[in-house]
């Protein structure tokens, strides 16, 4: 079997493990943190060890390209977070206001 057959290349910045909604970045996050394949399987139980090993092997064979992919993905996630933080949903704003009021009341009672 060709190694790429384990993956679905949805787009240039979206590589998933075939048959799953799990991206290779999810597996590689654990791998790069030092987890063993068996420990990764415990964290992502819907994946087989074969799929985990295929992902790690793909990474090791294409390290420069996958590292660039992971860097782009991290930058995209950070950008999305910054956009969200600059204009959070109204529920988050209300919860923050309630928390601030609660903290003021607590400080006044002390």
PDB file of N, CA and C in Angstrom:
ATOM      1  N   UNK A   1       0.840  -1.181   0.000  1.00  0.00           N
ATOM      2  CA  UNK A   1       0.000   0.000   0.000  1.00  0.00           C
ATOM      3  C   UNK A   1       0.885   1.244   0.000  1.00  0.00           C
ATOM      4  N   UNK A   2       0.518   2.204  -0.804  1.00  0.00           N
ATOM      5  CA  UNK A   2       1.196   3.493  -0.864  1.00  0.00           C
ATOM      6  C   UNK A   2       0.871   4.269   0.413  1.00  0.00           C
ATOM      7  N   UNK A   3       1.869   4.875   1.012  1.00  0.00           N
ATOM      8  CA  UNK A   3       1.689   5.582   2.289  1.00  0.00           C
ATOM      9  C   UNK A   3       0.626   6.668   2.197  1.00  0.00           C
ATOM     10  N   UNK A   4       0.563   7.387   1.077  1.00  0.00           N
ATOM     11  CA  UNK A   4      -0.412   8.465   0.915  1.00  0.00           C
ATOM     12  C   UNK A   4      -1.850   7.957   0.912  1.00  0.00           C
ATOM     13  N   UNK A   5      -2.042   6.674   0.694  1.00  0.00           N
ATOM     14  CA  UNK A   5      -3.396   6.119   0.684  1.00  0.00           C
ATOM     15  C   UNK A   5      -4.032   6.113   2.079  1.00  0.00           C
ATOM     16  N   UNK A   6      -3.252   6.355   3.093  1.00  0.00           N
ATOM     17  CA  UNK A   6      -3.790   6.441   4.451  1.00  0.00           C
ATOM     18  C   UNK A   6      -4.437   7.795   4.723  1.00  0.00           C
ATOM     19  N   UNK A   7      -4.221   8.750   3.811  1.00  0.00           N
ATOM     20  CA  UNK A   7      -4.632  10.124   4.083  1.00  0.00           C
ATOM     21  C   UNK A   7      -5.579  10.661   3.030  1.00  0.00           C
ATOM     22  N   UNK A   8      -6.346  11.637   3.456  1.00  0.00           N
ATOM     23  CA  UNK A   8      -7.223  12.383   2.554  1.00  0.00           C
ATOM     24  C   UNK A   8      -6.683  13.807   2.507  1.00  0.00           C
ATOM     25  N   UNK A   9      -6.230  14.219   1.331  1.00  0.00           N
ATOM     26  CA  UNK A   9      -5.665  15.549   1.152  1.00  0.00           C
ATOM     27  C   UNK A   9      -6.804  16.476   0.735  1.00  0.00           C
ATOM     28  N   UNK A  10      -7.491  17.028   1.734  1.00  0.00           N
ATOM     29  CA  UNK A  10      -8.672  17.857   1.522  1.00  0.00           C
ATOM     30  C   UNK A  10      -8.282  19.166   0.861  1.00  0.00           C
ATOM     31  N   UNK A  11      -7.157  19.711   1.256  1.00  0.00           N
ATOM     32  CA  UNK A  11      -6.650  20.964   0.710  1.00  0.00           C
ATOM     33  C   UNK A  11      -5.193  21.093   1.099  1.00  0.00           C
ATOM     34  N   UNK A  12      -4.540  22.156   0.647  1.00  0.00           N
ATOM     35  CA  UNK A  12      -3.119  22.295   0.962  1.00  0.00           C
ATOM     36  C   UNK A  12      -2.840  22.416   2.460  1.00  0.00           C
ATOM     37  N   UNK A  13      -3.827  22.856   3.217  1.00  0.00           N
ATOM     38  CA  UNK A  13      -3.654  22.991   4.661  1.00  0.00           C
ATOM     39  C   UNK A  13      -4.668  22.163   5.439  1.00  0.00           C
ATOM     40  N   UNK A  14      -5.034  21.017   4.871  1.00  0.00           N
ATOM     41  CA  UNK A  14      -5.987  20.128   5.536  1.00  0.00           C
ATOM     42  C   UNK A  14      -5.733  18.694   5.091  1.00  0.00           C
ATOM     43  N   UNK A  15      -4.947  17.982   5.895  1.00  0.00           N
ATOM     44  CA  UNK A  15      -4.643  16.582   5.618  1.00  0.00           C
ATOM     45  C   UNK A  15      -5.243  15.759   6.748  1.00  0.00           C
ATOM     46  N   UNK A  16      -6.146  14.875   6.382  1.00  0.00           N
ATOM     47  CA  UNK A  16      -6.831  14.059   7.393  1.00  0.00           C
ATOM     48  C   UNK A  16      -6.497  12.585   7.195  1.00  0.00           C
ATOM     49  N   UNK A  17      -6.678  11.843   8.250  1.00  0.00           N
ATOM     50  CA  UNK A  17      -6.507  10.400   8.165  1.00  0.00           C
ATOM     51  C   UNK A  17      -7.779   9.847   7.540  1.00  0.00           C
ATOM     52  N   UNK A  18      -7.605   9.083   6.478  1.00  0.00           N
ATOM     53  CA  UNK A  18      -8.739   8.590   5.699  1.00  0.00           C
ATOM     54  C   UNK A  18      -9.727   7.841   6.596  1.00  0.00           C
ATOM     55  N   UNK A  19     -11.003   8.181   6.429  1.00  0.00           N
ATOM     56  CA  UNK A  19     -12.055   7.552   7.210  1.00  0.00           C
ATOM     57  C   UNK A  19     -12.305   8.210   8.552  1.00  0.00           C
ATOM     58  N   UNK A  20     -11.578   9.284   8.828  1.00  0.00           N
ATOM     59  CA  UNK A  20     -11.704   9.994  10.105  1.00  0.00           C
ATOM     60  C   UNK A  20     -11.782  11.489   9.842  1.00  0.00           C
ATOM     61  N   UNK A  21     -12.196  12.212  10.832  1.00  0.00           N
ATOM     62  CA  UNK A  21     -12.149  13.676  10.762  1.00  0.00           C
ATOM     63  C   UNK A  21     -10.908  14.188  11.485  1.00  0.00           C
ATOM     64  N   UNK A  22     -10.025  13.280  11.825  1.00  0.00           N
ATOM     65  CA  UNK A  22      -8.804  13.609  12.562  1.00  0.00           C
ATOM     66  C   UNK A  22      -7.716  13.980  11.568  1.00  0.00           C
ATOM     67  N   UNK A  23      -7.083  15.123  11.798  1.00  0.00           N
ATOM     68  CA  UNK A  23      -5.993  15.553  10.944  1.00  0.00           C
ATOM     69  C   UNK A  23      -4.675  14.938  11.377  1.00  0.00           C
ATOM     70  N   UNK A  24      -3.723  14.917  10.453  1.00  0.00           N
ATOM     71  CA  UNK A  24      -2.411  14.391  10.822  1.00  0.00           C
ATOM     72  C   UNK A  24      -1.780  15.253  11.905  1.00  0.00           C
ATOM     73  N   UNK A  25      -2.168  16.525  11.956  1.00  0.00           N
ATOM     74  CA  UNK A  25      -1.623  17.416  12.981  1.00  0.00           C
ATOM     75  C   UNK A  25      -1.990  16.951  14.390  1.00  0.00           C
ATOM     76  N   UNK A  26      -3.161  16.326  14.526  1.00  0.00           N
ATOM     77  CA  UNK A  26      -3.570  15.835  15.846  1.00  0.00           C
ATOM     78  C   UNK A  26      -2.633  14.727  16.322  1.00  0.00           C
ATOM     79  N   UNK A  27      -2.309  13.805  15.426  1.00  0.00           N
ATOM     80  CA  UNK A  27      -1.390  12.721  15.769  1.00  0.00           C
ATOM     81  C   UNK A  27       0.005  13.282  16.007  1.00  0.00           C
ATOM     82  N   UNK A  28       0.431  14.168  15.115  1.00  0.00           N
ATOM     83  CA  UNK A  28       1.796  14.700  15.208  1.00  0.00           C
ATOM     84  C   UNK A  28       1.990  15.580  16.434  1.00  0.00           C
ATOM     85  N   UNK A  29       0.938  16.227  16.895  1.00  0.00           N
ATOM     86  CA  UNK A  29       1.041  17.002  18.136  1.00  0.00           C
ATOM     87  C   UNK A  29       1.545  16.095  19.258  1.00  0.00           C
ATOM     88  N   UNK A  30       0.900  14.962  19.419  1.00  0.00           N
ATOM     89  CA  UNK A  30       1.302  14.029  20.474  1.00  0.00           C
ATOM     90  C   UNK A  30       2.696  13.456  20.205  1.00  0.00           C
ATOM     91  N   UNK A  31       2.935  13.083  18.965  1.00  0.00           N
ATOM     92  CA  UNK A  31       4.232  12.500  18.612  1.00  0.00           C
ATOM     93  C   UNK A  31       5.365  13.472  18.926  1.00  0.00           C
ATOM     94  N   UNK A  32       5.207  14.720  18.535  1.00  0.00           N
ATOM     95  CA  UNK A  32       6.256  15.714  18.757  1.00  0.00           C
ATOM     96  C   UNK A  32       6.395  16.095  20.234  1.00  0.00           C
ATOM     97  N   UNK A  33       5.371  15.796  21.034  1.00  0.00           N
ATOM     98  CA  UNK A  33       5.444  15.993  22.483  1.00  0.00           C
ATOM     99  C   UNK A  33       6.101  14.803  23.177  1.00  0.00           C
ATOM    100  N   UNK A  34       6.435  13.755  22.418  1.00  0.00           N
ATOM    101  CA  UNK A  34       7.143  12.615  22.984  1.00  0.00           C
ATOM    102  C   UNK A  34       6.289  11.400  23.295  1.00  0.00           C
ATOM    103  N   UNK A  35       5.026  11.421  22.910  1.00  0.00           N
ATOM    104  CA  UNK A  35       4.156  10.275  23.151  1.00  0.00           C
ATOM    105  C   UNK A  35       4.572   9.109  22.247  1.00  0.00           C
ATOM    106  N   UNK A  36       4.428   7.905  22.765  1.00  0.00           N
ATOM    107  CA  UNK A  36       4.650   6.712  21.947  1.00  0.00           C
ATOM    108  C   UNK A  36       3.399   6.469  21.099  1.00  0.00           C
ATOM    109  N   UNK A  37       3.517   5.672  20.044  1.00  0.00           N
ATOM    110  CA  UNK A  37       2.315   5.355  19.256  1.00  0.00           C
ATOM    111  C   UNK A  37       1.193   4.754  20.105  1.00  0.00           C
ATOM    112  N   UNK A  38       1.549   3.934  21.069  1.00  0.00           N
ATOM    113  CA  UNK A  38       0.537   3.332  21.932  1.00  0.00           C
ATOM    114  C   UNK A  38      -0.151   4.387  22.795  1.00  0.00           C
ATOM    115  N   UNK A  39       0.616   5.358  23.284  1.00  0.00           N
ATOM    116  CA  UNK A  39       0.029   6.441  24.072  1.00  0.00           C
ATOM    117  C   UNK A  39      -0.855   7.331  23.199  1.00  0.00           C
ATOM    118  N   UNK A  40      -0.444   7.534  21.951  1.00  0.00           N
ATOM    119  CA  UNK A  40      -1.269   8.306  21.023  1.00  0.00           C
ATOM    120  C   UNK A  40      -2.585   7.575  20.784  1.00  0.00           C
ATOM    121  N   UNK A  41      -2.524   6.260  20.628  1.00  0.00           N
ATOM    122  CA  UNK A  41      -3.738   5.457  20.421  1.00  0.00           C
ATOM    123  C   UNK A  41      -4.678   5.596  21.615  1.00  0.00           C
ATOM    124  N   UNK A  42      -4.136   5.730  22.810  1.00  0.00           N
ATOM    125  CA  UNK A  42      -4.982   5.911  23.991  1.00  0.00           C
ATOM    126  C   UNK A  42      -5.657   7.287  23.966  1.00  0.00           C
ATOM    127  N   UNK A  43      -4.979   8.296  23.413  1.00  0.00           N
ATOM    128  CA  UNK A  43      -5.547   9.633  23.315  1.00  0.00           C
ATOM    129  C   UNK A  43      -6.530   9.756  22.153  1.00  0.00           C
ATOM    130  N   UNK A  44      -6.287   9.010  21.083  1.00  0.00           N
ATOM    131  CA  UNK A  44      -7.127   9.051  19.878  1.00  0.00           C
ATOM    132  C   UNK A  44      -7.598   7.629  19.585  1.00  0.00           C
ATOM    133  N   UNK A  45      -8.509   7.114  20.394  1.00  0.00           N
ATOM    134  CA  UNK A  45      -8.857   5.685  20.331  1.00  0.00           C
ATOM    135  C   UNK A  45      -9.556   5.228  19.055  1.00  0.00           C
ATOM    136  N   UNK A  46     -10.025   6.151  18.230  1.00  0.00           N
ATOM    137  CA  UNK A  46     -10.661   5.713  16.981  1.00  0.00           C
ATOM    138  C   UNK A  46      -9.632   5.384  15.904  1.00  0.00           C
ATOM    139  N   UNK A  47      -8.376   5.717  16.158  1.00  0.00           N
ATOM    140  CA  UNK A  47      -7.321   5.405  15.194  1.00  0.00           C
ATOM    141  C   UNK A  47      -6.666   4.074  15.541  1.00  0.00           C
ATOM    142  N   UNK A  48      -6.296   3.344  14.506  1.00  0.00           N
ATOM    143  CA  UNK A  48      -5.545   2.107  14.719  1.00  0.00           C
ATOM    144  C   UNK A  48      -4.067   2.433  14.847  1.00  0.00           C
ATOM    145  N   UNK A  49      -3.315   1.525  15.432  1.00  0.00           N
ATOM    146  CA  UNK A  49      -1.872   1.718  15.509  1.00  0.00           C
ATOM    147  C   UNK A  49      -1.274   1.821  14.113  1.00  0.00           C
ATOM    148  N   UNK A  50      -1.818   1.093  13.175  1.00  0.00           N
ATOM    149  CA  UNK A  50      -1.338   1.158  11.795  1.00  0.00           C
ATOM    150  C   UNK A  50      -1.474   2.576  11.236  1.00  0.00           C
ATOM    151  N   UNK A  51      -2.606   3.217  11.491  1.00  0.00           N
ATOM    152  CA  UNK A  51      -2.822   4.590  11.015  1.00  0.00           C
ATOM    153  C   UNK A  51      -1.876   5.569  11.709  1.00  0.00           C
ATOM    154  N   UNK A  52      -1.636   5.341  12.979  1.00  0.00           N
ATOM    155  CA  UNK A  52      -0.723   6.202  13.730  1.00  0.00           C
ATOM    156  C   UNK A  52       0.701   6.046  13.207  1.00  0.00           C
ATOM    157  N   UNK A  53       1.127   4.805  13.021  1.00  0.00           N
ATOM    158  CA  UNK A  53       2.464   4.567  12.472  1.00  0.00           C
ATOM    159  C   UNK A  53       2.581   5.130  11.061  1.00  0.00           C
ATOM    160  N   UNK A  54       1.543   5.018  10.253  1.00  0.00           N
ATOM    161  CA  UNK A  54       1.576   5.573   8.893  1.00  0.00           C
ATOM    162  C   UNK A  54       1.746   7.085   8.949  1.00  0.00           C
ATOM    163  N   UNK A  55       1.065   7.737   9.880  1.00  0.00           N
ATOM    164  CA  UNK A  55       1.175   9.190  10.018  1.00  0.00           C
ATOM    165  C   UNK A  55       2.590   9.585  10.440  1.00  0.00           C
ATOM    166  N   UNK A  56       3.136   8.885  11.393  1.00  0.00           N
ATOM    167  CA  UNK A  56       4.499   9.188  11.849  1.00  0.00           C
ATOM    168  C   UNK A  56       5.504   8.937  10.724  1.00  0.00           C
ATOM    169  N   UNK A  57       5.334   7.840  10.015  1.00  0.00           N
ATOM    170  CA  UNK A  57       6.235   7.523   8.906  1.00  0.00           C
ATOM    171  C   UNK A  57       6.135   8.581   7.813  1.00  0.00           C
ATOM    172  N   UNK A  58       4.918   9.004   7.506  1.00  0.00           N
ATOM    173  CA  UNK A  58       4.731  10.061   6.508  1.00  0.00           C
ATOM    174  C   UNK A  58       5.453  11.326   6.945  1.00  0.00           C
ATOM    175  N   UNK A  59       5.330  11.654   8.212  1.00  0.00           N
ATOM    176  CA  UNK A  59       6.011  12.835   8.746  1.00  0.00           C
ATOM    177  C   UNK A  59       7.525  12.696   8.593  1.00  0.00           C
ATOM    178  N   UNK A  60       8.066  11.559   8.995  1.00  0.00           N
ATOM    179  CA  UNK A  60       9.514  11.371   8.948  1.00  0.00           C
ATOM    180  C   UNK A  60      10.049  11.382   7.514  1.00  0.00           C
ATOM    181  N   UNK A  61       9.253  10.904   6.569  1.00  0.00           N
ATOM    182  CA  UNK A  61       9.679  10.890   5.172  1.00  0.00           C
ATOM    183  C   UNK A  61       9.507  12.246   4.487  1.00  0.00           C
ATOM    184  N   UNK A  62       8.665  13.113   5.052  1.00  0.00           N
ATOM    185  CA  UNK A  62       8.356  14.407   4.437  1.00  0.00           C
ATOM    186  C   UNK A  62       8.475  15.525   5.463  1.00  0.00           C
ATOM    187  N   UNK A  63       9.496  15.452   6.283  1.00  0.00           N
ATOM    188  CA  UNK A  63       9.598  16.333   7.446  1.00  0.00           C
ATOM    189  C   UNK A  63       9.524  17.817   7.094  1.00  0.00           C
ATOM    190  N   UNK A  64      10.264  18.255   6.098  1.00  0.00           N
ATOM    191  CA  UNK A  64      10.280  19.693   5.770  1.00  0.00           C
ATOM    192  C   UNK A  64       8.900  20.171   5.343  1.00  0.00           C
ATOM    193  N   UNK A  65       8.246  19.406   4.475  1.00  0.00           N
ATOM    194  CA  UNK A  65       6.918  19.803   3.999  1.00  0.00           C
ATOM    195  C   UNK A  65       5.886  19.762   5.119  1.00  0.00           C
ATOM    196  N   UNK A  66       5.945  18.738   5.951  1.00  0.00           N
ATOM    197  CA  UNK A  66       4.962  18.617   7.030  1.00  0.00           C
ATOM    198  C   UNK A  66       5.228  19.659   8.111  1.00  0.00           C
ATOM    199  N   UNK A  67       6.488  19.946   8.393  1.00  0.00           N
ATOM    200  CA  UNK A  67       6.780  21.021   9.356  1.00  0.00           C
ATOM    201  C   UNK A  67       6.233  22.356   8.855  1.00  0.00           C
ATOM    202  N   UNK A  68       6.382  22.619   7.552  1.00  0.00           N
ATOM    203  CA  UNK A  68       5.825  23.852   6.973  1.00  0.00           C
ATOM    204  C   UNK A  68       4.300  23.839   7.084  1.00  0.00           C
ATOM    205  N   UNK A  69       3.686  22.695   6.830  1.00  0.00           N
ATOM    206  CA  UNK A  69       2.233  22.530   6.965  1.00  0.00           C
ATOM    207  C   UNK A  69       1.799  22.836   8.403  1.00  0.00           C
ATOM    208  N   UNK A  70       2.510  22.264   9.378  1.00  0.00           N
ATOM    209  CA  UNK A  70       2.165  22.477  10.779  1.00  0.00           C
ATOM    210  C   UNK A  70       2.342  23.943  11.174  1.00  0.00           C
ATOM    211  N   UNK A  71       3.352  24.593  10.632  1.00  0.00           N
ATOM    212  CA  UNK A  71       3.575  26.016  10.918  1.00  0.00           C
ATOM    213  C   UNK A  71       2.445  26.864  10.348  1.00  0.00           C
ATOM    214  N   UNK A  72       2.026  26.565   9.113  1.00  0.00           N
ATOM    215  CA  UNK A  72       0.901  27.303   8.514  1.00  0.00           C
ATOM    216  C   UNK A  72      -0.374  27.083   9.310  1.00  0.00           C
ATOM    217  N   UNK A  73      -0.593  25.860   9.727  1.00  0.00           N
ATOM    218  CA  UNK A  73      -1.793  25.533  10.495  1.00  0.00           C
ATOM    219  C   UNK A  73      -1.792  26.262  11.839  1.00  0.00           C
ATOM    220  N   UNK A  74      -0.654  26.309  12.506  1.00  0.00           N
ATOM    221  CA  UNK A  74      -0.554  27.020  13.788  1.00  0.00           C
ATOM    222  C   UNK A  74      -0.801  28.512  13.593  1.00  0.00           C
ATOM    223  N   UNK A  75      -0.276  29.078  12.523  1.00  0.00           N
ATOM    224  CA  UNK A  75      -0.494  30.505  12.240  1.00  0.00           C
ATOM    225  C   UNK A  75      -1.962  30.777  11.953  1.00  0.00           C
ATOM    226  N   UNK A  76      -2.610  29.899  11.199  1.00  0.00           N
ATOM    227  CA  UNK A  76      -4.035  30.053  10.892  1.00  0.00           C
ATOM    228  C   UNK A  76      -4.858  29.993  12.176  1.00  0.00           C
ATOM    229  N   UNK A  77      -4.535  29.023  13.044  1.00  0.00           N
ATOM    230  CA  UNK A  77      -5.272  28.897  14.305  1.00  0.00           C
ATOM    231  C   UNK A  77      -5.089  30.131  15.181  1.00  0.00           C
ATOM    232  N   UNK A  78      -3.871  30.647  15.234  1.00  0.00           N
ATOM    233  CA  UNK A  78      -3.613  31.847  16.027  1.00  0.00           C
ATOM    234  C   UNK A  78      -4.376  33.039  15.465  1.00  0.00           C
ATOM    235  N   UNK A  79      -4.405  33.165  14.147  1.00  0.00           N
ATOM    236  CA  UNK A  79      -5.145  34.260  13.514  1.00  0.00           C
ATOM    237  C   UNK A  79      -6.629  34.158  13.842  1.00  0.00           C
ATOM    238  N   UNK A  80      -7.179  32.956  13.739  1.00  0.00           N
ATOM    239  CA  UNK A  80      -8.596  32.754  14.066  1.00  0.00           C
ATOM    240  C   UNK A  80      -8.870  33.105  15.525  1.00  0.00           C
ATOM    241  N   UNK A  81      -7.976  32.721  16.427  1.00  0.00           N
ATOM    242  CA  UNK A  81      -8.153  33.035  17.841  1.00  0.00           C
ATOM    243  C   UNK A  81      -8.114  34.543  18.058  1.00  0.00           C
ATOM    244  N   UNK A  82      -7.161  35.219  17.439  1.00  0.00           N
ATOM    245  CA  UNK A  82      -7.054  36.672  17.609  1.00  0.00           C
ATOM    246  C   UNK A  82      -8.304  37.372  17.091  1.00  0.00           C
ATOM    247  N   UNK A  83      -8.850  36.896  15.976  1.00  0.00           N
ATOM    248  CA  UNK A  83     -10.091  37.462  15.443  1.00  0.00           C
ATOM    249  C   UNK A  83     -11.234  37.253  16.429  1.00  0.00           C
ATOM    250  N   UNK A  84     -11.305  36.059  16.996  1.00  0.00           N
ATOM    251  CA  UNK A  84     -12.350  35.753  17.970  1.00  0.00           C
ATOM    252  C   UNK A  84     -12.168  36.622  19.220  1.00  0.00           C
ATOM    253  N   UNK A  85     -10.937  36.728  19.694  1.00  0.00           N
ATOM    254  CA  UNK A  85     -10.679  37.492  20.920  1.00  0.00           C
ATOM    255  C   UNK A  85     -10.986  38.972  20.735  1.00  0.00           C
ATOM    256  N   UNK A  86     -10.784  39.485  19.524  1.00  0.00           N
ATOM    257  CA  UNK A  86     -11.061  40.895  19.261  1.00  0.00           C
ATOM    258  C   UNK A  86     -12.558  41.177  19.235  1.00  0.00           C
ATOM    259  N   UNK A  87     -13.346  40.183  18.924  1.00  0.00           N
ATOM    260  CA  UNK A  87     -14.798  40.366  18.835  1.00  0.00           C
ATOM    261  C   UNK A  87     -15.493  39.086  19.310  1.00  0.00           C
ATOM    262  N   UNK A  88     -15.440  38.824  20.617  1.00  0.00           N
ATOM    263  CA  UNK A  88     -16.037  37.579  21.124  1.00  0.00           C
ATOM    264  C   UNK A  88     -17.555  37.596  20.998  1.00  0.00           C
ATOM    265  N   UNK A  89     -18.158  36.436  20.986  1.00  0.00           N
ATOM    266  CA  UNK A  89     -19.618  36.352  20.926  1.00  0.00           C
ATOM    267  C   UNK A  89     -20.262  37.061  22.119  1.00  0.00           C
ATOM    268  N   UNK A  90     -21.501  37.472  21.948  1.00  0.00           N
ATOM    269  CA  UNK A  90     -22.198  38.225  22.998  1.00  0.00           C
ATOM    270  C   UNK A  90     -22.295  37.418  24.294  1.00  0.00           C
ATOM    271  N   UNK A  91     -22.434  36.114  24.214  1.00  0.00           N
ATOM    272  CA  UNK A  91     -22.497  35.294  25.422  1.00  0.00           C
ATOM    273  C   UNK A  91     -21.206  35.430  26.226  1.00  0.00           C
ATOM    274  N   UNK A  92     -20.073  35.386  25.551  1.00  0.00           N
ATOM    275  CA  UNK A  92     -18.794  35.529  26.239  1.00  0.00           C
ATOM    276  C   UNK A  92     -18.694  36.912  26.870  1.00  0.00           C
ATOM    277  N   UNK A  93     -19.133  37.924  26.170  1.00  0.00           N
ATOM    278  CA  UNK A  93     -19.101  39.283  26.720  1.00  0.00           C
ATOM    279  C   UNK A  93     -19.965  39.385  27.969  1.00  0.00           C
ATOM    280  N   UNK A  94     -21.162  38.775  27.927  1.00  0.00           N
ATOM    281  CA  UNK A  94     -22.046  38.804  29.104  1.00  0.00           C
ATOM    282  C   UNK A  94     -21.429  38.052  30.277  1.00  0.00           C
ATOM    283  N   UNK A  95     -20.834  36.908  30.008  1.00  0.00           N
ATOM    284  CA  UNK A  95     -20.203  36.145  31.082  1.00  0.00           C
ATOM    285  C   UNK A  95     -19.035  36.913  31.699  1.00  0.00           C
ATOM    286  N   UNK A  96     -18.247  37.572  30.865  1.00  0.00           N
ATOM    287  CA  UNK A  96     -17.145  38.386  31.392  1.00  0.00           C
ATOM    288  C   UNK A  96     -17.672  39.527  32.261  1.00  0.00           C
ATOM    289  N   UNK A  97     -18.759  40.155  31.849  1.00  0.00           N
ATOM    290  CA  UNK A  97     -19.351  41.247  32.637  1.00  0.00           C
ATOM    291  C   UNK A  97     -19.862  40.712  33.972  1.00  0.00           C
ATOM    292  N   UNK A  98     -20.525  39.554  33.950  1.00  0.00           N
ATOM    293  CA  UNK A  98     -21.006  38.949  35.197  1.00  0.00           C
ATOM    294  C   UNK A  98     -19.849  38.621  36.130  1.00  0.00           C
ATOM    295  N   UNK A  99     -18.771  38.086  35.555  1.00  0.00           N
ATOM    296  CA  UNK A  99     -17.603  37.750  36.373  1.00  0.00           C
ATOM    297  C   UNK A  99     -17.004  39.015  36.988  1.00  0.00           C
ATOM    298  N   UNK A 100     -16.887  40.078  36.210  1.00  0.00           N
ATOM    299  CA  UNK A 100     -16.337  41.336  36.723  1.00  0.00           C
ATOM    300  C   UNK A 100     -17.215  41.874  37.857  1.00  0.00           C
ATOM    301  N   UNK A 101     -18.548  41.827  37.683  1.00  0.00           N
ATOM    302  CA  UNK A 101     -19.461  42.293  38.736  1.00  0.00           C
ATOM    303  C   UNK A 101     -19.298  41.448  39.998  1.00  0.00           C
ATOM    304  N   UNK A 102     -19.209  40.142  39.828  1.00  0.00           N
ATOM    305  CA  UNK A 102     -19.063  39.229  40.955  1.00  0.00           C
ATOM    306  C   UNK A 102     -17.762  39.518  41.703  1.00  0.00           C
ATOM    307  N   UNK A 103     -16.675  39.761  40.955  1.00  0.00           N
ATOM    308  CA  UNK A 103     -15.390  40.046  41.590  1.00  0.00           C
ATOM    309  C   UNK A 103     -15.426  41.375  42.351  1.00  0.00           C
ATOM    310  N   UNK A 104     -16.140  42.366  41.797  1.00  0.00           N
ATOM    311  CA  UNK A 104     -16.279  43.648  42.493  1.00  0.00           C
ATOM    312  C   UNK A 104     -17.037  43.465  43.793  1.00  0.00           C
ATOM    313  N   UNK A 105     -18.124  42.690  43.753  1.00  0.00           N
ATOM    314  CA  UNK A 105     -18.927  42.447  44.958  1.00  0.00           C
ATOM    315  C   UNK A 105     -18.099  41.688  46.000  1.00  0.00           C
ATOM    316  N   UNK A 106     -17.336  40.746  45.538  1.00  0.00           N
ATOM    317  CA  UNK A 106     -16.506  39.945  46.443  1.00  0.00           C
ATOM    318  C   UNK A 106     -15.429  40.830  47.096  1.00  0.00           C
ATOM    319  N   UNK A 107     -14.827  41.712  46.307  1.00  0.00           N
ATOM    320  CA  UNK A 107     -13.788  42.606  46.840  1.00  0.00           C
ATOM    321  C   UNK A 107     -14.394  43.598  47.839  1.00  0.00           C
ATOM    322  N   UNK A 108     -15.612  44.071  47.559  1.00  0.00           N
ATOM    323  CA  UNK A 108     -16.268  45.024  48.453  1.00  0.00           C
ATOM    324  C   UNK A 108     -16.651  44.352  49.771  1.00  0.00           C
ATOM    325  N   UNK A 109     -16.971  43.076  49.732  1.00  0.00           N
ATOM    326  CA  UNK A 109     -17.353  42.353  50.941  1.00  0.00           C
ATOM    327  C   UNK A 109     -16.168  42.007  51.807  1.00  0.00           C
ATOM    328  N   UNK A 110     -14.981  42.064  51.262  1.00  0.00           N
ATOM    329  CA  UNK A 110     -13.771  41.699  52.044  1.00  0.00           C
ATOM    330  C   UNK A 110     -13.334  42.766  52.988  1.00  0.00           C
TER     331      UNK A 110
END
